[in-house]
C-alpha cells in the first residue's frame, strides 16, 4: 500500500483527493457559519470579511488553500529532498492532518499563515545551501512575522529563528541575529505605522494580539473531545519514532538532511506545546504543525524496515483521522 506513494504519483494524488473529499463533503453540504465575534488579527479580519457573505465559498477556499499548501510542500521537498524516497507522501500526511479536526473545515487566517510559513521555511532552508544567506535569514523572519498578522498563534514561529540559526548556520555571526530581528520587526513596524495614521493608535495590533491569546474558547484540555487528545498523542508518537529512525539511518554524508529534520522536530514540538498552552482556538495551529509532522511521519513510513508494522501504523492514522472527524457528531 505504501509503495503507491513511491511508484505512481497519479494514484497517490487520487487517493489523497478521495480521502480529503470524504472528510470535507459534509461541510460542503452544510458549511460552518462564519464566527465574526472572536478576536482576530488585522489581516485575518480583512480576509474574513471578504468571504463572510458566502459560507460555501468559505469552505471551498479553505479546501483549495489546503491543497495549495500541499503543492508547496512537494516543491520544497523536490528542492531539498528531506523525504527523498516518496515525494508525494508528505503532502498526503499533511492533507490528512489538516482534514482531521472539524473546526479546520472553514476558512481562517491559519491557511494564509501556512503559506507564509512555507515561504519562510523555503528561505530558511537556503541557509543550508549557503545561498544568499543574509537575504534568506531576513526574508524568513519577515514571512514568519507576517504569518502572525493572519493568525495570532503563528507568532510561535518566531521561536524558530534562534533555533534555526544555531542548527543551520554554523558558526553564527552577530549580523545573523540583527538581520533576523530586523526581519521579524518589519511587518509589525508597518502595522504600527498604518494604525497610527488610520486610527491614531499604533499599538492596536499588539492589543489585538494579546486579546487573541487571552480570549476564552474551547481548549483541547477543557471542552475538547478526548479523541482529539488521542489523535495528537498518536502524532507525537509517530514523530518520536521518526526521529529515532532518522537518528539511526541518516548517514554522516547527509548532514543537511539531518539538520532539516531536527528543525522540523523542533517546529512540531513547539507548535504542539502551543496548542496545549494557548487558550485561543488551538486548531489554527494545525496547518502549521502538519507541515513538519507530515515530513517526519512520511519519512518514518518510507524508511521503516518493518513494512507490515509501518502499514498498520499508517492505517491506524487514517482510521483515527476519520474518528476525530465523525466522533463529535456521533457523541452529540
Protein backbone atom coordinates (compact mmCIF):
# COMPACT_ATOMS: atom_id res chain seq x y z
CA UNK A 1 0.00 0.00 0.00
CA UNK A 2 2.72 2.49 0.97
CA UNK A 3 4.53 1.76 -2.29
CA UNK A 4 1.80 3.63 -4.19
CA UNK A 5 3.22 6.92 -2.97
CA UNK A 6 6.63 5.97 -4.35
CA UNK A 7 5.84 4.41 -7.70
CA UNK A 8 2.75 6.14 -9.01
CA UNK A 9 2.18 9.85 -8.41
CA UNK A 10 -1.24 9.78 -10.12
CA UNK A 11 -2.51 7.08 -7.73
CA UNK A 12 -1.19 8.91 -4.67
CA UNK A 13 -2.87 12.16 -5.74
CA UNK A 14 -6.14 10.33 -6.43
CA UNK A 15 -6.11 8.58 -3.03
CA UNK A 16 -5.30 11.84 -1.26
CA UNK A 17 -8.14 13.66 -3.03
CA UNK A 18 -10.59 10.81 -2.38
CA UNK A 19 -9.88 10.72 1.35
CA UNK A 20 -9.96 14.51 1.62
CA UNK A 21 -13.32 14.72 -0.14
CA UNK A 22 -14.76 12.03 2.12
CA UNK A 23 -13.75 14.15 5.11
CA UNK A 24 -14.80 17.52 3.69
CA UNK A 25 -18.04 16.66 1.82
CA UNK A 26 -20.32 17.04 4.90
CA UNK A 27 -19.03 20.60 5.23
CA UNK A 28 -19.57 21.34 1.55
CA UNK A 29 -23.19 20.26 2.03
CA UNK A 30 -23.63 22.06 5.36
CA UNK A 31 -20.93 24.78 5.63
CA UNK A 32 -19.91 26.03 9.03
CA UNK A 33 -21.08 29.58 9.85
CA UNK A 34 -18.54 32.38 9.98
CA UNK A 35 -17.60 33.41 13.51
CA UNK A 36 -17.05 37.14 13.42
CA UNK A 37 -17.26 37.87 17.15
CA UNK A 38 -13.94 36.29 18.19
CA UNK A 39 -10.73 38.37 18.30
CA UNK A 40 -8.81 38.28 15.02
CA UNK A 41 -5.52 39.69 13.86
CA UNK A 42 -5.86 42.67 11.47
CA UNK A 43 -5.11 40.85 8.21
CA UNK A 44 -7.27 37.89 9.22
CA UNK A 45 -10.18 40.24 9.94
CA UNK A 46 -9.95 41.75 6.46
CA UNK A 47 -9.73 38.28 4.93
CA UNK A 48 -12.78 37.00 6.80
CA UNK A 49 -14.85 39.99 5.73
CA UNK A 50 -14.20 39.11 2.10
CA UNK A 51 -15.64 35.60 2.34
CA UNK A 52 -18.21 36.01 5.14
CA UNK A 53 -21.07 36.56 2.70
CA UNK A 54 -20.96 33.00 1.35
CA UNK A 55 -20.26 30.14 3.82
CA UNK A 56 -19.91 27.59 0.99
CA UNK A 57 -17.28 29.73 -0.68
CA UNK A 58 -15.74 30.00 2.78
CA UNK A 59 -15.28 26.20 2.86
CA UNK A 60 -14.20 25.77 -0.77
CA UNK A 61 -11.44 28.37 -0.41
CA UNK A 62 -10.15 26.61 2.71
CA UNK A 63 -10.08 23.29 0.81
CA UNK A 64 -8.21 24.83 -2.14
CA UNK A 65 -5.73 26.58 0.12
CA UNK A 66 -5.02 23.29 1.87
CA UNK A 67 -4.09 21.73 -1.48
CA UNK A 68 -2.05 24.79 -2.44
CA UNK A 69 -0.05 24.25 0.74
CA UNK A 70 0.34 20.57 -0.18
CA UNK A 71 1.71 21.59 -3.58
CA UNK A 72 4.20 23.95 -1.93
CA UNK A 73 5.39 21.06 0.26
CA UNK A 74 6.02 18.95 -2.86
CA UNK A 75 8.04 21.78 -4.38
CA UNK A 76 10.00 22.29 -1.17
CA UNK A 77 10.73 18.57 -0.90
CA UNK A 78 11.80 18.44 -4.53
CA UNK A 79 14.30 21.18 -3.82
CA UNK A 80 15.81 19.91 -0.56
CA UNK A 81 14.96 16.16 -0.65
CA UNK A 82 14.19 15.81 3.05
CA UNK A 83 11.88 12.91 2.09
CA UNK A 84 13.67 11.58 -0.97
CA UNK A 85 12.04 8.14 -1.07
CA UNK A 86 8.41 9.18 -1.58
CA UNK A 87 7.90 12.70 -2.91
CA UNK A 88 4.08 12.70 -2.65
CA UNK A 89 3.84 11.14 0.80
CA UNK A 90 4.48 14.25 2.97
CA UNK A 91 1.67 16.28 1.34
CA UNK A 92 -0.68 13.30 1.78
CA UNK A 93 0.02 13.19 5.54
CA UNK A 94 -0.33 16.98 5.61
CA UNK A 95 -3.78 16.85 3.99
CA UNK A 96 -4.79 14.04 6.34
CA UNK A 97 -3.89 16.04 9.46
CA UNK A 98 -5.50 19.25 8.20
CA UNK A 99 -8.71 17.34 7.42
CA UNK A 100 -8.96 15.68 10.82
CA UNK A 101 -10.38 18.42 13.02
CA UNK A 102 -13.87 19.68 12.12
CA UNK A 103 -13.09 23.28 13.09
CA UNK A 104 -10.45 23.40 10.35
CA UNK A 105 -13.10 22.86 7.64
CA UNK A 106 -13.70 26.57 7.20
CA UNK A 107 -11.63 29.48 6.05
CA UNK A 108 -9.45 31.17 8.64
CA UNK A 109 -6.17 33.02 8.80
CA UNK A 110 -4.18 29.90 9.62
CA UNK A 111 -4.15 28.79 5.96
CA UNK A 112 -2.66 32.10 4.83
CA UNK A 113 -0.28 31.88 7.78
CA UNK A 114 0.66 28.43 6.47
CA UNK A 115 1.53 29.92 3.09
CA UNK A 116 3.77 32.45 4.83
CA UNK A 117 5.29 29.68 6.95
CA UNK A 118 6.28 27.51 3.98
CA UNK A 119 7.59 30.56 2.09
CA UNK A 120 9.70 31.48 5.13
CA UNK A 121 10.79 27.89 5.56
CA UNK A 122 11.93 27.77 1.94
CA UNK A 123 14.15 30.80 2.50
CA UNK A 124 15.39 29.42 5.80
CA UNK A 125 16.48 26.12 4.24
CA UNK A 126 18.51 28.06 1.67
CA UNK A 127 20.88 28.80 4.54
CA UNK A 128 21.88 25.11 4.39
CA UNK A 129 22.87 25.62 0.76
CA UNK A 130 24.84 28.82 1.54
CA UNK A 131 22.70 30.75 -0.92
CA UNK A 132 22.18 34.45 -0.21
CA UNK A 133 22.47 33.74 3.49
CA UNK A 134 21.69 37.19 4.89
CA UNK A 135 18.81 37.77 2.48
CA UNK A 136 17.40 34.31 3.27
CA UNK A 137 17.50 34.92 7.02
CA UNK A 138 15.84 38.31 6.62
CA UNK A 139 13.06 37.05 4.32
CA UNK A 140 12.38 34.02 6.53
CA UNK A 141 11.96 36.31 9.54
CA UNK A 142 9.65 38.61 7.56
CA UNK A 143 7.41 35.73 6.44
CA UNK A 144 7.25 34.19 9.94
CA UNK A 145 6.30 37.56 11.42
CA UNK A 146 3.79 38.22 8.63
CA UNK A 147 2.14 34.87 9.38
CA UNK A 148 1.29 36.10 12.88
CA UNK A 149 -0.67 39.03 11.40
CA UNK A 150 -3.00 36.45 9.82
CA UNK A 151 -3.14 34.09 12.81
CA UNK A 152 -2.10 35.13 16.31
CA UNK A 153 -0.92 31.64 17.23
CA UNK A 154 1.62 31.78 14.38
CA UNK A 155 3.70 34.17 16.48
CA UNK A 156 5.19 30.97 17.93
CA UNK A 157 7.04 30.56 14.63
CA UNK A 158 9.36 33.36 15.67
CA UNK A 159 10.87 30.94 18.20
CA UNK A 160 12.25 29.01 15.23
CA UNK A 161 14.54 31.86 14.23
CA UNK A 162 17.13 31.44 17.02
CA UNK A 163 16.81 27.65 16.84
CA UNK A 164 17.32 27.57 13.06
CA UNK A 165 20.30 29.92 13.23
CA UNK A 166 22.02 27.59 15.67
CA UNK A 167 21.10 24.46 13.66
CA UNK A 168 21.60 25.67 10.09
CA UNK A 169 24.18 28.42 10.39
CA UNK A 170 27.47 27.27 11.87
CA UNK A 171 29.12 29.31 13.14
CA UNK A 172 26.55 32.04 13.64
CA UNK A 173 27.60 35.70 13.42
CA UNK A 174 26.28 38.69 15.29
CA UNK A 175 24.94 40.03 12.00
CA UNK A 176 22.66 36.98 11.69
CA UNK A 177 20.82 37.91 14.88
CA UNK A 178 20.47 41.56 13.91
CA UNK A 179 19.14 40.64 10.46
CA UNK A 180 16.66 38.11 11.91
CA UNK A 181 15.42 40.62 14.48
CA UNK A 182 15.05 43.32 11.82
CA UNK A 183 13.05 40.99 9.55
CA UNK A 184 10.76 39.89 12.39
CA UNK A 185 10.10 43.51 13.41
CA UNK A 186 9.39 44.83 9.91
CA UNK A 187 5.74 43.62 9.48
CA UNK A 188 4.79 44.93 12.92
CA UNK A 189 6.52 48.21 12.19
CA UNK A 190 4.33 48.58 9.10
CA UNK A 191 1.24 47.59 11.10
CA UNK A 192 2.15 50.12 13.80
CA UNK A 193 2.55 52.86 11.18
CA UNK A 194 -0.74 52.04 9.40
CA UNK A 195 -2.79 52.02 12.60
CA UNK A 196 -1.02 55.15 13.83
CA UNK A 197 -2.18 57.10 10.78
CA UNK A 198 -5.54 55.36 10.33
CA UNK A 199 -6.74 55.23 13.95
CA UNK A 200 -4.19 57.41 15.73
CA UNK A 201 -3.23 54.37 17.80
CA UNK A 202 -0.26 52.38 16.57
CA UNK A 203 -0.42 49.89 19.45
CA UNK A 204 -3.72 48.38 18.26
CA UNK A 205 -2.10 45.30 16.58
CA UNK A 206 -0.30 44.43 19.82
CA UNK A 207 -3.50 44.77 21.86
CA UNK A 208 -5.31 42.55 19.36
CA UNK A 209 -2.51 40.00 19.65
CA UNK A 210 -2.91 39.99 23.43
CA UNK A 211 -6.69 39.66 23.20
CA UNK A 212 -6.36 36.72 20.79
CA UNK A 213 -4.20 34.86 23.29
CA UNK A 214 -6.40 35.65 26.29
CA UNK A 215 -9.80 35.15 24.63
CA UNK A 216 -11.86 32.33 26.20
CA UNK A 217 -12.54 29.45 23.84
CA UNK A 218 -12.75 25.69 23.71
CA UNK A 219 -9.40 24.25 24.64
CA UNK A 220 -8.17 20.78 23.96
CA UNK A 221 -7.59 20.44 27.72
CA UNK A 222 -11.09 21.65 28.52
CA UNK A 223 -14.09 21.14 26.30
CA UNK A 224 -12.28 19.25 23.55
CA UNK A 225 -13.16 15.61 23.00
CA UNK A 226 -10.76 13.03 24.36
CA UNK A 227 -10.36 11.59 20.87
CA UNK A 228 -8.54 14.79 19.88
CA UNK A 229 -6.08 14.17 22.68
CA UNK A 230 -5.59 10.61 21.44
CA UNK A 231 -5.02 11.84 17.89
CA UNK A 232 -2.38 14.39 18.88
CA UNK A 233 -0.72 11.85 21.17
CA UNK A 234 -0.54 9.40 18.28
CA UNK A 235 1.01 12.05 16.02
CA UNK A 236 3.57 12.73 18.74
CA UNK A 237 4.38 9.02 18.96
CA UNK A 238 4.91 8.78 15.20
CA UNK A 239 7.14 11.87 15.19
CA UNK A 240 9.19 10.41 18.06
CA UNK A 241 9.57 7.13 16.16
CA UNK A 242 10.54 9.08 13.05
CA UNK A 243 13.28 10.96 14.88
CA UNK A 244 14.58 7.71 16.39
CA UNK A 245 14.65 6.08 12.95
CA UNK A 246 16.28 9.08 11.29
CA UNK A 247 18.94 9.26 14.00
CA UNK A 248 19.94 5.68 13.25
CA UNK A 249 19.63 5.66 9.46
CA UNK A 250 20.82 9.08 8.25
CA UNK A 251 24.48 8.86 7.30
CA UNK A 252 27.08 11.48 8.13
CA UNK A 253 27.24 12.47 4.46
CA UNK A 254 23.70 13.87 4.68
CA UNK A 255 24.32 16.49 7.31
CA UNK A 256 21.96 18.94 5.63
CA UNK A 257 19.05 16.47 5.80
CA UNK A 258 19.74 15.77 9.48
CA UNK A 259 19.65 19.48 10.23
CA UNK A 260 16.35 19.90 8.35
CA UNK A 261 14.78 17.01 10.23
CA UNK A 262 15.99 18.44 13.54
CA UNK A 263 14.41 21.79 12.62
CA UNK A 264 11.15 20.02 11.72
CA UNK A 265 11.15 18.21 15.06
CA UNK A 266 11.66 21.48 16.96
CA UNK A 267 8.86 23.07 14.95
CA UNK A 268 6.45 20.22 15.67
CA UNK A 269 7.02 20.15 19.42
CA UNK A 270 6.92 23.96 19.77
CA UNK A 271 3.57 24.13 17.96
CA UNK A 272 2.24 21.11 19.87
CA UNK A 273 3.10 22.80 23.17
CA UNK A 274 1.41 25.98 21.91
CA UNK A 275 -1.75 24.04 21.02
CA UNK A 276 -1.98 22.85 24.61
CA UNK A 277 -0.92 26.07 26.33
CA UNK A 278 -2.55 28.87 24.31
CA UNK A 279 -6.20 29.42 25.36
CA UNK A 280 -7.24 30.62 21.88
CA UNK A 281 -8.50 28.29 19.16
CA UNK A 282 -5.85 25.58 19.00
CA UNK A 283 -6.98 24.33 15.58
CA UNK A 284 -5.42 27.42 13.99
CA UNK A 285 -2.04 25.79 14.54
CA UNK A 286 -2.93 22.59 12.68
CA UNK A 287 -1.87 23.67 9.14
CA UNK A 288 1.44 24.87 10.60
CA UNK A 289 2.08 21.78 12.70
CA UNK A 290 1.04 19.47 9.84
CA UNK A 291 3.99 20.64 7.70
CA UNK A 292 6.81 19.22 9.88
CA UNK A 293 4.63 16.34 11.08
CA UNK A 294 3.87 15.28 7.50
CA UNK A 295 7.54 15.31 6.52
CA UNK A 296 8.77 13.39 9.57
CA UNK A 297 5.98 10.80 9.62
CA UNK A 298 6.24 10.19 5.87
CA UNK A 299 9.97 9.68 6.24
CA UNK A 300 9.41 7.15 9.02
CA UNK A 301 6.92 5.17 6.95
CA UNK A 302 9.18 5.18 3.88
CA UNK A 303 12.37 4.22 5.74
CA UNK A 304 10.93 1.66 8.14
CA UNK A 305 12.45 -1.83 7.90
CA UNK A 306 9.24 -3.33 9.27
CA UNK A 307 6.87 -2.78 6.36
CA UNK A 308 3.89 -4.60 7.91
CA UNK A 309 4.19 -2.62 11.15
CA UNK A 310 4.54 0.64 9.19
CA UNK A 311 1.38 -0.16 7.23
CA UNK A 312 -0.50 -0.91 10.45
CA UNK A 313 0.60 2.46 11.86
CA UNK A 314 -0.41 4.14 8.59
CA UNK A 315 -3.91 2.64 8.50
CA UNK A 316 -4.34 3.46 12.20
CA UNK A 317 -3.52 7.10 11.41
CA UNK A 318 -6.13 7.16 8.63
CA UNK A 319 -8.69 5.48 10.89
CA UNK A 320 -8.08 7.92 13.74
CA UNK A 321 -8.47 10.82 11.31
CA UNK A 322 -11.98 9.62 10.43
CA UNK A 323 -12.75 9.01 14.11
CA UNK A 324 -11.77 12.58 15.04
CA UNK A 325 -13.86 13.85 12.13
CA UNK A 326 -17.09 11.96 12.88
CA UNK A 327 -16.87 11.30 16.63
CA UNK A 328 -18.40 14.66 17.70
CA UNK A 329 -21.50 14.04 15.55
CA UNK A 330 -21.92 10.54 16.98
CA UNK A 331 -21.20 11.58 20.57
CA UNK A 332 -23.58 14.54 20.48
